[in-house]
Amino acid sequence: MKISKIEHLGIAVQSIDAVLPYFRDVLGLEVYKTEVVEDQKVKTAFMQVGEVKIELLEPTSPESTVQKFLDNGGRGVHHVAFKVEDGLSEALAMCDAQGIRLIDKAPRKGADNLNIAFLHPKSTVGILTELCEA
């Protein structure tokens, strides 16, 4: 698998509106896109820092995996997303062949016009890992 960069860092928050003053007023970052991803039960807000994006993740339902993360004491960085250059399906097959537990066995549509797939943190040294391709 060829990783070309960190695509984004996903940060779990209870409310995007509540944390935005920190990112905007203190760090000087501007939101360039917000969207709701219905099948993931989240609202997202994206900011750019150099080549890396920050994705704020706000749950839109109690059944959201982000809400469960927050309920279990999770706070802050939820996942690290890497951009793959040699095909997402191929990357998943390679991970599966190496015994990595896949949350997504096939790519699916994610936020910001990306195809995405997640790797389970129990197989990735405790880091929820997202693989992305445009």
C-alpha atoms as a PDB file:
ATOM      1  CA  MET A   1       0.000   0.000   0.000  1.00  0.00           C
ATOM      2  CA  LYS A   2       1.308   3.447  -0.872  1.00  0.00           C
ATOM      3  CA  ILE A   3       0.349   6.192   1.575  1.00  0.00           C
ATOM      4  CA  SER A   4       0.912   9.673   0.142  1.00  0.00           C
ATOM      5  CA  LYS A   5      -0.081  11.840   3.103  1.00  0.00           C
ATOM      6  CA  ILE A   6      -2.224  12.271   6.168  1.00  0.00           C
ATOM      7  CA  GLU A   7      -5.520  13.205   4.524  1.00  0.00           C
ATOM      8  CA  HIS A   8      -7.207  14.441   7.697  1.00  0.00           C
ATOM      9  CA  LEU A   9      -7.494  14.109  11.446  1.00  0.00           C
ATOM     10  CA  GLY A  10     -10.989  13.371  12.700  1.00  0.00           C
ATOM     11  CA  ILE A  11     -11.832  15.068  15.993  1.00  0.00           C
ATOM     12  CA  ALA A  12     -14.935  13.989  17.918  1.00  0.00           C
ATOM     13  CA  VAL A  13     -16.911  16.832  19.484  1.00  0.00           C
ATOM     14  CA  GLN A  14     -20.337  17.011  21.086  1.00  0.00           C
ATOM     15  CA  SER A  15     -21.046  20.296  19.306  1.00  0.00           C
ATOM     16  CA  ILE A  16     -19.226  21.872  16.368  1.00  0.00           C
ATOM     17  CA  ASP A  17     -20.660  25.280  17.298  1.00  0.00           C
ATOM     18  CA  ALA A  18     -19.270  24.988  20.828  1.00  0.00           C
ATOM     19  CA  VAL A  19     -15.674  24.266  19.742  1.00  0.00           C
ATOM     20  CA  LEU A  20     -15.513  26.461  16.655  1.00  0.00           C
ATOM     21  CA  PRO A  21     -14.394  29.597  18.561  1.00  0.00           C
ATOM     22  CA  TYR A  22     -11.189  27.772  19.573  1.00  0.00           C
ATOM     23  CA  PHE A  23     -10.348  26.687  16.032  1.00  0.00           C
ATOM     24  CA  ARG A  24     -11.436  29.995  14.457  1.00  0.00           C
ATOM     25  CA  ASP A  25     -10.557  32.666  17.017  1.00  0.00           C
ATOM     26  CA  VAL A  26      -7.500  31.104  18.678  1.00  0.00           C
ATOM     27  CA  LEU A  27      -5.959  29.029  15.884  1.00  0.00           C
ATOM     28  CA  GLY A  28      -7.171  31.234  13.020  1.00  0.00           C
ATOM     29  CA  LEU A  29      -8.683  28.366  10.999  1.00  0.00           C
ATOM     30  CA  GLU A  30     -11.728  28.793   8.782  1.00  0.00           C
ATOM     31  CA  VAL A  31     -14.338  26.150   8.003  1.00  0.00           C
ATOM     32  CA  TYR A  32     -14.452  25.620   4.248  1.00  0.00           C
ATOM     33  CA  LYS A  33     -17.157  22.948   4.197  1.00  0.00           C
ATOM     34  CA  THR A  34     -19.827  21.431   6.419  1.00  0.00           C
ATOM     35  CA  GLU A  35     -22.032  18.482   5.608  1.00  0.00           C
ATOM     36  CA  VAL A  36     -24.154  15.795   7.190  1.00  0.00           C
ATOM     37  CA  VAL A  37     -23.239  12.201   6.380  1.00  0.00           C
ATOM     38  CA  GLU A  38     -26.527  10.423   7.031  1.00  0.00           C
ATOM     39  CA  ASP A  39     -25.280   6.822   6.973  1.00  0.00           C
ATOM     40  CA  GLN A  40     -22.526   7.659   9.494  1.00  0.00           C
ATOM     41  CA  LYS A  41     -24.903   9.758  11.640  1.00  0.00           C
ATOM     42  CA  VAL A  42     -22.510  12.705  11.832  1.00  0.00           C
ATOM     43  CA  LYS A  43     -22.257  16.344  10.914  1.00  0.00           C
ATOM     44  CA  THR A  44     -18.782  17.363   9.759  1.00  0.00           C
ATOM     45  CA  ALA A  45     -16.903  20.626   9.470  1.00  0.00           C
ATOM     46  CA  PHE A  46     -13.604  20.783   7.557  1.00  0.00           C
ATOM     47  CA  MET A  47     -10.688  23.164   8.005  1.00  0.00           C
ATOM     48  CA  GLN A  48      -7.383  23.138   6.124  1.00  0.00           C
ATOM     49  CA  VAL A  49      -3.930  23.291   7.765  1.00  0.00           C
ATOM     50  CA  GLY A  50      -1.298  23.134   5.044  1.00  0.00           C
ATOM     51  CA  GLU A  51      -1.954  19.900   3.184  1.00  0.00           C
ATOM     52  CA  VAL A  52      -3.823  18.295   6.094  1.00  0.00           C
ATOM     53  CA  LYS A  53      -7.496  18.755   6.896  1.00  0.00           C
ATOM     54  CA  ILE A  54      -9.085  18.828  10.330  1.00  0.00           C
ATOM     55  CA  GLU A  55     -12.511  17.180  10.380  1.00  0.00           C
ATOM     56  CA  LEU A  56     -14.753  17.992  13.315  1.00  0.00           C
ATOM     57  CA  LEU A  57     -17.270  15.190  13.882  1.00  0.00           C
ATOM     58  CA  GLU A  58     -20.536  15.932  15.685  1.00  0.00           C
ATOM     59  CA  PRO A  59     -22.953  13.037  16.264  1.00  0.00           C
ATOM     60  CA  THR A  60     -26.459  13.499  14.871  1.00  0.00           C
ATOM     61  CA  SER A  61     -27.916  10.441  16.619  1.00  0.00           C
ATOM     62  CA  PRO A  62     -27.389   8.509  19.865  1.00  0.00           C
ATOM     63  CA  GLU A  63     -26.565   5.498  17.643  1.00  0.00           C
ATOM     64  CA  SER A  64     -23.652   7.304  15.970  1.00  0.00           C
ATOM     65  CA  THR A  65     -20.263   5.626  16.499  1.00  0.00           C
ATOM     66  CA  VAL A  66     -18.953   9.113  17.302  1.00  0.00           C
ATOM     67  CA  GLN A  67     -21.572   9.487  20.060  1.00  0.00           C
ATOM     68  CA  LYS A  68     -20.565   6.082  21.449  1.00  0.00           C
ATOM     69  CA  PHE A  69     -16.914   7.185  21.366  1.00  0.00           C
ATOM     70  CA  LEU A  70     -17.824  10.332  23.332  1.00  0.00           C
ATOM     71  CA  ASP A  71     -20.023   8.366  25.753  1.00  0.00           C
ATOM     72  CA  ASN A  72     -17.109   6.027  26.498  1.00  0.00           C
ATOM     73  CA  GLY A  73     -14.913   8.920  27.572  1.00  0.00           C
ATOM     74  CA  GLY A  74     -13.387   9.515  24.176  1.00  0.00           C
ATOM     75  CA  ARG A  75     -12.472  13.095  23.496  1.00  0.00           C
ATOM     76  CA  GLY A  76     -10.350  14.749  20.889  1.00  0.00           C
ATOM     77  CA  VAL A  77      -8.735  12.765  18.106  1.00  0.00           C
ATOM     78  CA  HIS A  78     -11.158  10.100  16.924  1.00  0.00           C
ATOM     79  CA  HIS A  79      -9.243   8.808  13.897  1.00  0.00           C
ATOM     80  CA  VAL A  80      -6.318   9.387  11.554  1.00  0.00           C
ATOM     81  CA  ALA A  81      -7.072   9.240   7.830  1.00  0.00           C
ATOM     82  CA  PHE A  82      -4.425   8.374   5.266  1.00  0.00           C
ATOM     83  CA  LYS A  83      -4.680   8.959   1.530  1.00  0.00           C
ATOM     84  CA  VAL A  84      -3.841   5.834  -0.476  1.00  0.00           C
ATOM     85  CA  GLU A  85      -2.467   6.105  -3.989  1.00  0.00           C
ATOM     86  CA  ASP A  86      -2.706   2.517  -5.219  1.00  0.00           C
ATOM     87  CA  GLY A  87      -6.448   1.925  -4.868  1.00  0.00           C
ATOM     88  CA  LEU A  88      -8.576   1.602  -1.781  1.00  0.00           C
ATOM     89  CA  SER A  89      -9.900  -1.871  -2.615  1.00  0.00           C
ATOM     90  CA  GLU A  90      -6.344  -3.108  -3.118  1.00  0.00           C
ATOM     91  CA  ALA A  91      -5.240  -1.524   0.173  1.00  0.00           C
ATOM     92  CA  LEU A  92      -8.095  -3.258   2.024  1.00  0.00           C
ATOM     93  CA  ALA A  93      -7.195  -6.602   0.443  1.00  0.00           C
ATOM     94  CA  MET A  94      -3.564  -6.169   1.499  1.00  0.00           C
ATOM     95  CA  CYS A  95      -4.557  -5.267   5.067  1.00  0.00           C
ATOM     96  CA  ASP A  96      -6.938  -8.230   5.243  1.00  0.00           C
ATOM     97  CA  ALA A  97      -4.211 -10.566   3.968  1.00  0.00           C
ATOM     98  CA  GLN A  98      -1.928  -9.307   6.747  1.00  0.00           C
ATOM     99  CA  GLY A  99      -4.532 -10.065   9.402  1.00  0.00           C
ATOM    100  CA  ILE A 100      -5.739  -6.511   9.984  1.00  0.00           C
ATOM    101  CA  ARG A 101      -9.362  -6.449  11.142  1.00  0.00           C
ATOM    102  CA  LEU A 102     -11.466  -4.473   8.656  1.00  0.00           C
ATOM    103  CA  ILE A 103     -14.438  -2.420   9.770  1.00  0.00           C
ATOM    104  CA  ASP A 104     -15.285  -1.841   6.110  1.00  0.00           C
ATOM    105  CA  LYS A 105     -14.651  -4.755   3.778  1.00  0.00           C
ATOM    106  CA  ALA A 106     -15.290  -2.521   0.750  1.00  0.00           C
ATOM    107  CA  PRO A 107     -14.920   1.221   0.131  1.00  0.00           C
ATOM    108  CA  ARG A 108     -17.914   3.421   0.861  1.00  0.00           C
ATOM    109  CA  LYS A 109     -18.823   7.064   0.318  1.00  0.00           C
ATOM    110  CA  GLY A 110     -17.570   9.409   3.024  1.00  0.00           C
ATOM    111  CA  ALA A 111     -17.506  13.132   3.656  1.00  0.00           C
ATOM    112  CA  ASP A 112     -15.704  15.636   1.418  1.00  0.00           C
ATOM    113  CA  ASN A 113     -16.215  13.544  -1.749  1.00  0.00           C
ATOM    114  CA  LEU A 114     -13.935  10.729  -0.582  1.00  0.00           C
ATOM    115  CA  ASN A 115     -14.227   6.979  -0.781  1.00  0.00           C
ATOM    116  CA  ILE A 116     -13.312   5.627   2.636  1.00  0.00           C
ATOM    117  CA  ALA A 117     -12.791   2.470   4.671  1.00  0.00           C
ATOM    118  CA  PHE A 118     -11.900   2.003   8.331  1.00  0.00           C
ATOM    119  CA  LEU A 119      -9.482  -0.414   9.985  1.00  0.00           C
ATOM    120  CA  HIS A 120     -10.309  -1.614  13.506  1.00  0.00           C
ATOM    121  CA  PRO A 121      -8.180  -0.110  16.292  1.00  0.00           C
ATOM    122  CA  LYS A 122      -7.697  -3.541  17.891  1.00  0.00           C
ATOM    123  CA  SER A 123      -5.522  -4.388  14.863  1.00  0.00           C
ATOM    124  CA  THR A 124      -3.863  -0.996  14.416  1.00  0.00           C
ATOM    125  CA  VAL A 125      -2.054  -0.335  17.708  1.00  0.00           C
ATOM    126  CA  GLY A 126      -5.164   1.305  19.173  1.00  0.00           C
ATOM    127  CA  ILE A 127      -5.598   3.917  16.428  1.00  0.00           C
ATOM    128  CA  LEU A 128      -8.860   3.989  14.474  1.00  0.00           C
ATOM    129  CA  THR A 129      -7.423   4.252  10.966  1.00  0.00           C
ATOM    130  CA  GLU A 130      -9.292   5.525   7.920  1.00  0.00           C
ATOM    131  CA  LEU A 131      -8.015   4.915   4.407  1.00  0.00           C
ATOM    132  CA  CYS A 132      -9.206   7.395   1.744  1.00  0.00           C
ATOM    133  CA  GLU A 133      -9.132   7.959  -1.977  1.00  0.00           C
ATOM    134  CA  ALA A 134     -10.601  10.725  -4.085  1.00  0.00           C
END
